[in-house]
Every structure is written in structure tokens, then in C-alpha cells.
PDB file of N, CA and C in Angstrom:
ATOM      1  N   MET A   1     -12.790 -19.677 -51.103  1.00  0.00           N
ATOM      2  CA  MET A   1     -11.937 -20.419 -50.164  1.00  0.00           C
ATOM      3  C   MET A   1     -10.846 -19.499 -49.636  1.00  0.00           C
ATOM      4  N   SER A   2     -10.367 -18.620 -50.545  1.00  0.00           N
ATOM      5  CA  SER A   2      -9.328 -17.761 -49.686  1.00  0.00           C
ATOM      6  C   SER A   2      -9.576 -16.966 -48.570  1.00  0.00           C
ATOM      7  N   ASP A   3     -11.006 -16.579 -48.693  1.00  0.00           N
ATOM      8  CA  ASP A   3     -11.714 -15.878 -47.496  1.00  0.00           C
ATOM      9  C   ASP A   3     -11.496 -16.837 -46.177  1.00  0.00           C
ATOM     10  N   GLU A   4     -11.803 -17.853 -46.237  1.00  0.00           N
ATOM     11  CA  GLU A   4     -11.719 -18.860 -45.127  1.00  0.00           C
ATOM     12  C   GLU A   4     -10.497 -18.777 -44.449  1.00  0.00           C
ATOM     13  N   PHE A   5      -9.389 -18.884 -45.323  1.00  0.00           N
ATOM     14  CA  PHE A   5      -8.131 -18.924 -44.749  1.00  0.00           C
ATOM     15  C   PHE A   5      -7.550 -17.709 -44.087  1.00  0.00           C
ATOM     16  N   GLU A   6      -8.015 -16.555 -44.515  1.00  0.00           N
ATOM     17  CA  GLU A   6      -7.700 -15.333 -44.070  1.00  0.00           C
ATOM     18  C   GLU A   6      -8.250 -15.096 -42.738  1.00  0.00           C
ATOM     19  N   PHE A   7      -9.680 -15.552 -42.621  1.00  0.00           N
ATOM     20  CA  PHE A   7     -10.433 -15.533 -41.419  1.00  0.00           C
ATOM     21  C   PHE A   7      -9.897 -16.433 -40.304  1.00  0.00           C
ATOM     22  N   ALA A   8      -9.372 -17.772 -40.618  1.00  0.00           N
ATOM     23  CA  ALA A   8      -8.769 -18.630 -39.929  1.00  0.00           C
ATOM     24  C   ALA A   8      -7.524 -17.909 -39.265  1.00  0.00           C
ATOM     25  N   ASP A   9      -6.782 -17.108 -39.966  1.00  0.00           N
ATOM     26  CA  ASP A   9      -5.444 -16.430 -39.432  1.00  0.00           C
ATOM     27  C   ASP A   9      -5.744 -15.513 -38.272  1.00  0.00           C
ATOM     28  N   LYS A  10      -6.794 -14.858 -38.358  1.00  0.00           N
ATOM     29  CA  LYS A  10      -7.254 -13.708 -37.493  1.00  0.00           C
ATOM     30  C   LYS A  10      -7.885 -14.362 -36.150  1.00  0.00           C
ATOM     31  N   VAL A  11      -8.605 -15.324 -36.402  1.00  0.00           N
ATOM     32  CA  VAL A  11      -9.393 -15.721 -35.074  1.00  0.00           C
ATOM     33  C   VAL A  11      -8.988 -17.180 -34.784  1.00  0.00           C
ATOM     34  N   ARG A  12      -8.508 -17.480 -33.427  1.00  0.00           N
ATOM     35  CA  ARG A  12      -8.092 -18.711 -33.071  1.00  0.00           C
ATOM     36  C   ARG A  12      -9.343 -19.530 -32.553  1.00  0.00           C
ATOM     37  N   LEU A  13      -9.470 -20.824 -32.902  1.00  0.00           N
ATOM     38  CA  LEU A  13     -10.584 -21.564 -32.038  1.00  0.00           C
ATOM     39  C   LEU A  13     -10.041 -22.287 -31.146  1.00  0.00           C
ATOM     40  N   SER A  14     -10.833 -22.509 -30.000  1.00  0.00           N
ATOM     41  CA  SER A  14     -10.445 -23.482 -28.910  1.00  0.00           C
ATOM     42  C   SER A  14     -11.763 -24.130 -28.652  1.00  0.00           C
ATOM     43  N   PHE A  15     -11.781 -25.320 -28.111  1.00  0.00           N
ATOM     44  CA  PHE A  15     -12.862 -26.187 -27.727  1.00  0.00           C
ATOM     45  C   PHE A  15     -12.791 -26.426 -26.391  1.00  0.00           C
ATOM     46  N   ASP A  16     -13.910 -26.385 -25.765  1.00  0.00           N
ATOM     47  CA  ASP A  16     -14.168 -26.677 -24.260  1.00  0.00           C
ATOM     48  C   ASP A  16     -13.809 -28.152 -24.103  1.00  0.00           C
ATOM     49  N   ARG A  17     -13.939 -28.670 -22.885  1.00  0.00           N
ATOM     50  CA  ARG A  17     -13.603 -29.965 -22.672  1.00  0.00           C
ATOM     51  C   ARG A  17     -14.629 -31.036 -23.094  1.00  0.00           C
ATOM     52  N   LEU A  18     -15.864 -30.678 -23.378  1.00  0.00           N
ATOM     53  CA  LEU A  18     -16.831 -31.658 -23.934  1.00  0.00           C
ATOM     54  C   LEU A  18     -16.573 -31.868 -25.296  1.00  0.00           C
ATOM     55  N   GLY A  19     -16.049 -30.784 -26.224  1.00  0.00           N
ATOM     56  CA  GLY A  19     -15.739 -30.684 -27.475  1.00  0.00           C
ATOM     57  C   GLY A  19     -17.003 -30.367 -28.237  1.00  0.00           C
ATOM     58  N   ASN A  20     -18.162 -30.054 -27.641  1.00  0.00           N
ATOM     59  CA  ASN A  20     -19.286 -29.528 -28.407  1.00  0.00           C
ATOM     60  C   ASN A  20     -19.412 -28.101 -28.870  1.00  0.00           C
ATOM     61  N   ASN A  21     -18.781 -27.217 -27.890  1.00  0.00           N
ATOM     62  CA  ASN A  21     -18.759 -25.989 -28.004  1.00  0.00           C
ATOM     63  C   ASN A  21     -17.486 -25.240 -28.666  1.00  0.00           C
ATOM     64  N   ILE A  22     -17.551 -24.409 -29.522  1.00  0.00           N
ATOM     65  CA  ILE A  22     -16.325 -23.766 -30.098  1.00  0.00           C
ATOM     66  C   ILE A  22     -16.482 -22.193 -29.499  1.00  0.00           C
ATOM     67  N   ILE A  23     -15.349 -21.929 -28.966  1.00  0.00           N
ATOM     68  CA  ILE A  23     -15.245 -20.472 -28.291  1.00  0.00           C
ATOM     69  C   ILE A  23     -14.075 -19.740 -29.277  1.00  0.00           C
ATOM     70  N   TYR A  24     -14.507 -18.668 -29.747  1.00  0.00           N
ATOM     71  CA  TYR A  24     -13.735 -17.892 -30.632  1.00  0.00           C
ATOM     72  C   TYR A  24     -12.924 -16.852 -29.839  1.00  0.00           C
ATOM     73  N   GLU A  25     -11.687 -16.989 -29.915  1.00  0.00           N
ATOM     74  CA  GLU A  25     -10.788 -16.037 -29.144  1.00  0.00           C
ATOM     75  C   GLU A  25     -10.310 -14.997 -30.008  1.00  0.00           C
ATOM     76  N   THR A  26     -10.611 -13.723 -29.665  1.00  0.00           N
ATOM     77  CA  THR A  26     -10.261 -12.556 -30.603  1.00  0.00           C
ATOM     78  C   THR A  26      -9.283 -11.853 -29.463  1.00  0.00           C
ATOM     79  N   GLU A  27      -8.474 -11.077 -30.319  1.00  0.00           N
ATOM     80  CA  GLU A  27      -7.448 -10.257 -29.385  1.00  0.00           C
ATOM     81  C   GLU A  27      -8.215  -9.091 -28.816  1.00  0.00           C
ATOM     82  N   ALA A  28      -7.692  -8.605 -27.710  1.00  0.00           N
ATOM     83  CA  ALA A  28      -8.499  -7.633 -26.981  1.00  0.00           C
ATOM     84  C   ALA A  28      -7.882  -6.173 -27.612  1.00  0.00           C
ATOM     85  N   LYS A  29      -8.916  -5.355 -27.606  1.00  0.00           N
ATOM     86  CA  LYS A  29      -8.596  -4.152 -28.172  1.00  0.00           C
ATOM     87  C   LYS A  29      -8.747  -3.078 -27.049  1.00  0.00           C
ATOM     88  N   GLY A  30      -7.621  -2.039 -26.921  1.00  0.00           N
ATOM     89  CA  GLY A  30      -7.914  -1.171 -25.833  1.00  0.00           C
ATOM     90  C   GLY A  30      -7.130  -1.788 -24.532  1.00  0.00           C
ATOM     91  N   PHE A  31      -7.271  -0.975 -23.590  1.00  0.00           N
ATOM     92  CA  PHE A  31      -6.719  -1.298 -22.347  1.00  0.00           C
ATOM     93  C   PHE A  31      -7.678  -2.087 -21.325  1.00  0.00           C
ATOM     94  N   ASN A  32      -7.143  -2.955 -20.657  1.00  0.00           N
ATOM     95  CA  ASN A  32      -8.058  -3.735 -19.677  1.00  0.00           C
ATOM     96  C   ASN A  32      -8.525  -2.745 -18.521  1.00  0.00           C
ATOM     97  N   PRO A  33      -9.797  -2.773 -18.316  1.00  0.00           N
ATOM     98  CA  PRO A  33     -10.284  -1.731 -17.177  1.00  0.00           C
ATOM     99  C   PRO A  33      -9.709  -2.163 -15.922  1.00  0.00           C
ATOM    100  N   GLY A  34      -9.661  -3.505 -15.591  1.00  0.00           N
ATOM    101  CA  GLY A  34      -9.066  -3.859 -14.296  1.00  0.00           C
ATOM    102  C   GLY A  34      -7.577  -3.337 -14.223  1.00  0.00           C
ATOM    103  N   LEU A  35      -6.945  -3.439 -15.219  1.00  0.00           N
ATOM    104  CA  LEU A  35      -5.496  -2.945 -14.954  1.00  0.00           C
ATOM    105  C   LEU A  35      -5.517  -1.474 -14.954  1.00  0.00           C
ATOM    106  N   ILE A  36      -6.443  -0.774 -15.316  1.00  0.00           N
ATOM    107  CA  ILE A  36      -6.288   0.759 -15.248  1.00  0.00           C
ATOM    108  C   ILE A  36      -6.737   1.042 -13.895  1.00  0.00           C
ATOM    109  N   VAL A  37      -7.772   0.308 -13.280  1.00  0.00           N
ATOM    110  CA  VAL A  37      -8.029   0.492 -11.834  1.00  0.00           C
ATOM    111  C   VAL A  37      -7.023   0.276 -11.047  1.00  0.00           C
ATOM    112  N   LEU A  38      -6.294  -0.770 -11.238  1.00  0.00           N
ATOM    113  CA  LEU A  38      -5.146  -1.138 -10.386  1.00  0.00           C
ATOM    114  C   LEU A  38      -4.064  -0.250 -10.474  1.00  0.00           C
ATOM    115  N   LEU A  39      -3.804   0.237 -11.578  1.00  0.00           N
ATOM    116  CA  LEU A  39      -2.720   1.157 -11.649  1.00  0.00           C
ATOM    117  C   LEU A  39      -2.905   2.593 -10.964  1.00  0.00           C
ATOM    118  N   VAL A  40      -4.479   3.064 -11.167  1.00  0.00           N
ATOM    119  CA  VAL A  40      -4.608   4.277 -10.478  1.00  0.00           C
ATOM    120  C   VAL A  40      -4.678   4.073  -9.098  1.00  0.00           C
ATOM    121  N   VAL A  41      -5.148   2.999  -8.450  1.00  0.00           N
ATOM    122  CA  VAL A  41      -5.076   2.762  -6.908  1.00  0.00           C
ATOM    123  C   VAL A  41      -3.768   2.609  -6.475  1.00  0.00           C
ATOM    124  N   GLY A  42      -2.907   1.878  -7.196  1.00  0.00           N
ATOM    125  CA  GLY A  42      -1.428   1.882  -6.800  1.00  0.00           C
ATOM    126  C   GLY A  42      -0.778   3.173  -6.844  1.00  0.00           C
ATOM    127  N   GLY A  43      -1.178   3.875  -7.901  1.00  0.00           N
ATOM    128  CA  GLY A  43      -0.424   5.190  -8.011  1.00  0.00           C
ATOM    129  C   GLY A  43      -0.838   6.295  -6.779  1.00  0.00           C
ATOM    130  N   LEU A  44      -2.211   6.178  -6.566  1.00  0.00           N
ATOM    131  CA  LEU A  44      -2.526   6.841  -5.358  1.00  0.00           C
ATOM    132  C   LEU A  44      -1.988   6.391  -4.076  1.00  0.00           C
ATOM    133  N   LEU A  45      -1.830   5.338  -3.953  1.00  0.00           N
ATOM    134  CA  LEU A  45      -1.175   4.729  -2.727  1.00  0.00           C
ATOM    135  C   LEU A  45       0.195   4.937  -2.587  1.00  0.00           C
ATOM    136  N   LEU A  46       0.928   4.888  -3.706  1.00  0.00           N
ATOM    137  CA  LEU A  46       2.365   5.225  -3.664  1.00  0.00           C
ATOM    138  C   LEU A  46       2.555   6.718  -3.558  1.00  0.00           C
ATOM    139  N   THR A  47       1.636   7.624  -3.942  1.00  0.00           N
ATOM    140  CA  THR A  47       1.655   8.954  -3.734  1.00  0.00           C
ATOM    141  C   THR A  47       1.612   9.406  -2.366  1.00  0.00           C
ATOM    142  N   PHE A  48       0.489   8.672  -1.752  1.00  0.00           N
ATOM    143  CA  PHE A  48       0.278   9.008  -0.218  1.00  0.00           C
ATOM    144  C   PHE A  48       1.270   8.516   0.701  1.00  0.00           C
ATOM    145  N   LEU A  49       1.913   7.491   0.386  1.00  0.00           N
ATOM    146  CA  LEU A  49       3.144   6.871   1.174  1.00  0.00           C
ATOM    147  C   LEU A  49       4.356   7.879   0.972  1.00  0.00           C
ATOM    148  N   VAL A  50       4.680   8.230  -0.225  1.00  0.00           N
ATOM    149  CA  VAL A  50       5.868   9.095  -0.428  1.00  0.00           C
ATOM    150  C   VAL A  50       5.570  10.636   0.181  1.00  0.00           C
ATOM    151  N   GLY A  51       4.250  11.048   0.088  1.00  0.00           N
ATOM    152  CA  GLY A  51       4.028  12.308   0.702  1.00  0.00           C
ATOM    153  C   GLY A  51       4.094  12.329   2.276  1.00  0.00           C
ATOM    154  N   ASN A  52       3.808  11.250   2.803  1.00  0.00           N
ATOM    155  CA  ASN A  52       3.862  11.061   4.201  1.00  0.00           C
ATOM    156  C   ASN A  52       5.114  11.066   4.674  1.00  0.00           C
ATOM    157  N   TYR A  53       6.176  10.535   3.934  1.00  0.00           N
ATOM    158  CA  TYR A  53       7.553  10.319   4.364  1.00  0.00           C
ATOM    159  C   TYR A  53       8.109  11.677   4.105  1.00  0.00           C
ATOM    160  N   VAL A  54       7.776  12.440   3.060  1.00  0.00           N
ATOM    161  CA  VAL A  54       8.365  13.753   3.042  1.00  0.00           C
ATOM    162  C   VAL A  54       7.848  14.662   3.903  1.00  0.00           C
ATOM    163  N   LEU A  55       6.572  14.535   4.337  1.00  0.00           N
ATOM    164  CA  LEU A  55       6.117  15.306   5.541  1.00  0.00           C
ATOM    165  C   LEU A  55       6.928  15.128   6.960  1.00  0.00           C
ATOM    166  N   TYR A  56       6.993  13.781   7.177  1.00  0.00           N
ATOM    167  CA  TYR A  56       7.559  13.205   8.234  1.00  0.00           C
ATOM    168  C   TYR A  56       9.070  13.761   8.467  1.00  0.00           C
ATOM    169  N   SER A  57       9.910  13.864   7.314  1.00  0.00           N
ATOM    170  CA  SER A  57      11.106  14.280   7.373  1.00  0.00           C
ATOM    171  C   SER A  57      11.148  15.628   7.503  1.00  0.00           C
ATOM    172  N   TYR A  58      10.465  16.326   6.755  1.00  0.00           N
ATOM    173  CA  TYR A  58      10.533  17.775   7.115  1.00  0.00           C
ATOM    174  C   TYR A  58      10.053  18.303   8.499  1.00  0.00           C
ATOM    175  N   ALA A  59       9.109  17.485   9.003  1.00  0.00           N
ATOM    176  CA  ALA A  59       8.963  17.850  10.323  1.00  0.00           C
ATOM    177  C   ALA A  59       9.910  17.443  11.451  1.00  0.00           C
ATOM    178  N   GLN A  60      10.581  16.547  10.984  1.00  0.00           N
ATOM    179  CA  GLN A  60      11.726  16.103  11.924  1.00  0.00           C
ATOM    180  C   GLN A  60      12.802  17.098  11.864  1.00  0.00           C
ATOM    181  N   LYS A  61      12.961  17.815  10.849  1.00  0.00           N
ATOM    182  CA  LYS A  61      14.134  18.725  10.714  1.00  0.00           C
ATOM    183  C   LYS A  61      13.678  20.092  11.234  1.00  0.00           C
ATOM    184  N   THR A  62      12.384  20.459  10.903  1.00  0.00           N
ATOM    185  CA  THR A  62      11.993  21.839  11.328  1.00  0.00           C
ATOM    186  C   THR A  62      11.484  22.130  12.713  1.00  0.00           C
ATOM    187  N   LEU A  63      10.658  21.092  13.168  1.00  0.00           N
ATOM    188  CA  LEU A  63       9.808  21.226  14.388  1.00  0.00           C
ATOM    189  C   LEU A  63      10.740  21.037  15.598  1.00  0.00           C
ATOM    190  N   LEU A  64      10.596  21.755  16.699  1.00  0.00           N
ATOM    191  CA  LEU A  64      11.235  21.489  17.928  1.00  0.00           C
ATOM    192  C   LEU A  64      10.788  20.421  18.538  1.00  0.00           C
ATOM    193  N   PRO A  65      11.706  19.739  19.174  1.00  0.00           N
ATOM    194  CA  PRO A  65      11.137  18.474  20.128  1.00  0.00           C
ATOM    195  C   PRO A  65      10.162  18.702  21.091  1.00  0.00           C
ATOM    196  N   ARG A  66       9.236  17.771  21.336  1.00  0.00           N
ATOM    197  CA  ARG A  66       8.238  17.935  22.471  1.00  0.00           C
ATOM    198  C   ARG A  66       8.816  18.138  23.807  1.00  0.00           C
ATOM    199  N   LYS A  67       8.370  18.995  24.736  1.00  0.00           N
ATOM    200  CA  LYS A  67       8.907  18.860  25.946  1.00  0.00           C
ATOM    201  C   LYS A  67       8.161  17.933  26.755  1.00  0.00           C
ATOM    202  N   LYS A  68       8.848  17.292  27.730  1.00  0.00           N
ATOM    203  CA  LYS A  68       8.422  16.350  28.565  1.00  0.00           C
ATOM    204  C   LYS A  68       7.500  16.881  29.746  1.00  0.00           C
ATOM    205  N   LYS A  69       6.489  16.182  30.095  1.00  0.00           N
ATOM    206  CA  LYS A  69       5.602  16.619  31.082  1.00  0.00           C
ATOM    207  C   LYS A  69       6.458  16.734  32.239  1.00  0.00           C
ATOM    208  N   PRO A  70       6.138  17.661  33.338  1.00  0.00           N
ATOM    209  CA  PRO A  70       6.974  17.536  34.483  1.00  0.00           C
ATOM    210  C   PRO A  70       6.423  16.528  35.473  1.00  0.00           C
ATOM    211  N   ILE A  71       7.262  16.077  36.266  1.00  0.00           N
ATOM    212  CA  ILE A  71       7.053  14.865  36.992  1.00  0.00           C
ATOM    213  C   ILE A  71       6.511  15.556  38.327  1.00  0.00           C
ATOM    214  N   SER A  72       5.529  15.125  39.091  1.00  0.00           N
ATOM    215  CA  SER A  72       5.353  15.583  40.477  1.00  0.00           C
ATOM    216  C   SER A  72       6.208  15.015  41.455  1.00  0.00           C
ATOM    217  N   LYS A  73       6.294  15.687  42.617  1.00  0.00           N
ATOM    218  CA  LYS A  73       7.242  15.501  43.584  1.00  0.00           C
ATOM    219  C   LYS A  73       6.907  14.033  44.352  1.00  0.00           C
ATOM    220  N   LYS A  74       5.643  13.804  44.361  1.00  0.00           N
ATOM    221  CA  LYS A  74       5.247  12.689  44.851  1.00  0.00           C
ATOM    222  C   LYS A  74       5.618  11.352  44.087  1.00  0.00           C
ATOM    223  N   LYS A  75       5.614  11.514  42.688  1.00  0.00           N
ATOM    224  CA  LYS A  75       5.941  10.414  41.930  1.00  0.00           C
ATOM    225  C   LYS A  75       7.411  10.246  41.881  1.00  0.00           C
ATOM    226  N   MET A  76       8.312  11.471  42.036  1.00  0.00           N
ATOM    227  CA  MET A  76       9.509  11.332  42.171  1.00  0.00           C
ATOM    228  C   MET A  76      10.074  10.576  43.377  1.00  0.00           C
ATOM    229  N   LYS A  77       9.372  10.780  44.416  1.00  0.00           N
ATOM    230  CA  LYS A  77       9.649  10.020  45.691  1.00  0.00           C
ATOM    231  C   LYS A  77       9.137   8.418  45.513  1.00  0.00           C
ATOM    232  N   GLN A  78       8.255   8.150  44.974  1.00  0.00           N
ATOM    233  CA  GLN A  78       7.912   6.708  44.610  1.00  0.00           C
ATOM    234  C   GLN A  78       8.917   6.164  43.968  1.00  0.00           C
ATOM    235  N   GLU A  79       9.632   6.772  42.692  1.00  0.00           N
ATOM    236  CA  GLU A  79      10.366   6.264  42.021  1.00  0.00           C
ATOM    237  C   GLU A  79      11.712   5.887  42.573  1.00  0.00           C
ATOM    238  N   ARG A  80      12.063   6.908  43.566  1.00  0.00           N
ATOM    239  CA  ARG A  80      13.524   6.737  44.235  1.00  0.00           C
ATOM    240  C   ARG A  80      13.233   5.689  45.202  1.00  0.00           C
ATOM    241  N   LEU A  81      12.084   5.555  45.955  1.00  0.00           N
ATOM    242  CA  LEU A  81      12.007   4.417  46.789  1.00  0.00           C
ATOM    243  C   LEU A  81      12.016   3.088  46.137  1.00  0.00           C
ATOM    244  N   LYS A  82      11.348   2.982  44.862  1.00  0.00           N
ATOM    245  CA  LYS A  82      11.592   1.746  44.275  1.00  0.00           C
ATOM    246  C   LYS A  82      12.979   1.348  43.893  1.00  0.00           C
ATOM    247  N   GLN A  83      13.605   2.331  43.450  1.00  0.00           N
ATOM    248  CA  GLN A  83      15.151   2.036  43.218  1.00  0.00           C
ATOM    249  C   GLN A  83      15.953   1.804  44.363  1.00  0.00           C
ATOM    250  N   GLY A  84      15.525   2.069  45.474  1.00  0.00           N
ATOM    251  CA  GLY A  84      16.240   1.854  46.706  1.00  0.00           C
ATOM    252  C   GLY A  84      17.099   2.870  47.346  1.00  0.00           C
ATOM    253  N   VAL A  85      16.742   4.155  46.677  1.00  0.00           N
ATOM    254  CA  VAL A  85      17.502   5.402  47.131  1.00  0.00           C
ATOM    255  C   VAL A  85      16.464   6.110  47.973  1.00  0.00           C
ATOM    256  N   SER A  86      16.967   6.519  49.128  1.00  0.00           N
ATOM    257  CA  SER A  86      16.035   7.039  50.128  1.00  0.00           C
ATOM    258  C   SER A  86      15.964   8.617  49.651  1.00  0.00           C
ATOM    259  N   ALA A  87      14.638   9.083  49.924  1.00  0.00           N
ATOM    260  CA  ALA A  87      14.661  10.466  49.498  1.00  0.00           C
ATOM    261  C   ALA A  87      15.086  11.508  50.695  1.00  0.00           C
ATOM    262  N   PRO A  88      15.894  12.502  50.418  1.00  0.00           N
ATOM    263  CA  PRO A  88      16.259  13.405  51.254  1.00  0.00           C
ATOM    264  C   PRO A  88      15.179  13.797  52.287  1.00  0.00           C
ATOM    265  N   GLY A  89      15.432  13.930  53.547  1.00  0.00           N
ATOM    266  CA  GLY A  89      14.310  14.465  54.582  1.00  0.00           C
ATOM    267  C   GLY A  89      13.672  13.163  55.000  1.00  0.00           C
ATOM    268  N   GLU A  90      13.813  11.975  54.615  1.00  0.00           N
ATOM    269  CA  GLU A  90      12.918  11.086  55.001  1.00  0.00           C
ATOM    270  C   GLU A  90      13.802  10.046  56.087  1.00  0.00           C
TER     271      GLU A  90
END
């Protein structure tokens, strides 16, 4: 008799909706594999984002700004005409 009571303390019983089947619920031992995968993927994503931010801030400080493309004279004339300023010599 005393064995039954000790066993009842360790394992919880739950019944499904029909009441016919008994489901024994035991405590999970070890880590949940889904949680481990989630933590690894989240850690890798966080490392990637932090690394990108560090590289971006380093590049902003050390690299020279890019030079603009030279604009052709023809395009400069077109822009001036659009703005209403006549180009010299016309």
C-alpha cells in the first residue's frame, strides 16, 4: 500500500475528454531540444546583427566618403534650363 502512495506523488494522472484513457505526465528530464535550437539560432542572429553594426560604425569612421560622379556639360545645361536659368552663351 505504501508503494502506491509514493508512486502517486511522483506521477500525475490526467484524463482525456472521453474519460477512457489515462495519460501519465512525467516531469521532463534535460533540456528541450526546441529551446536549444531556438537559443542557438537567436544567438547567431544577434551576433550577426551586432557584428554588422560594429563593421558599419568602423567603416563610417575610417573610410573616406565616396566621390560623386562628374556631371557632363550637357546634363548641367539641361538642369539649368529646367530651373529657368539660361546657360551662358545661349
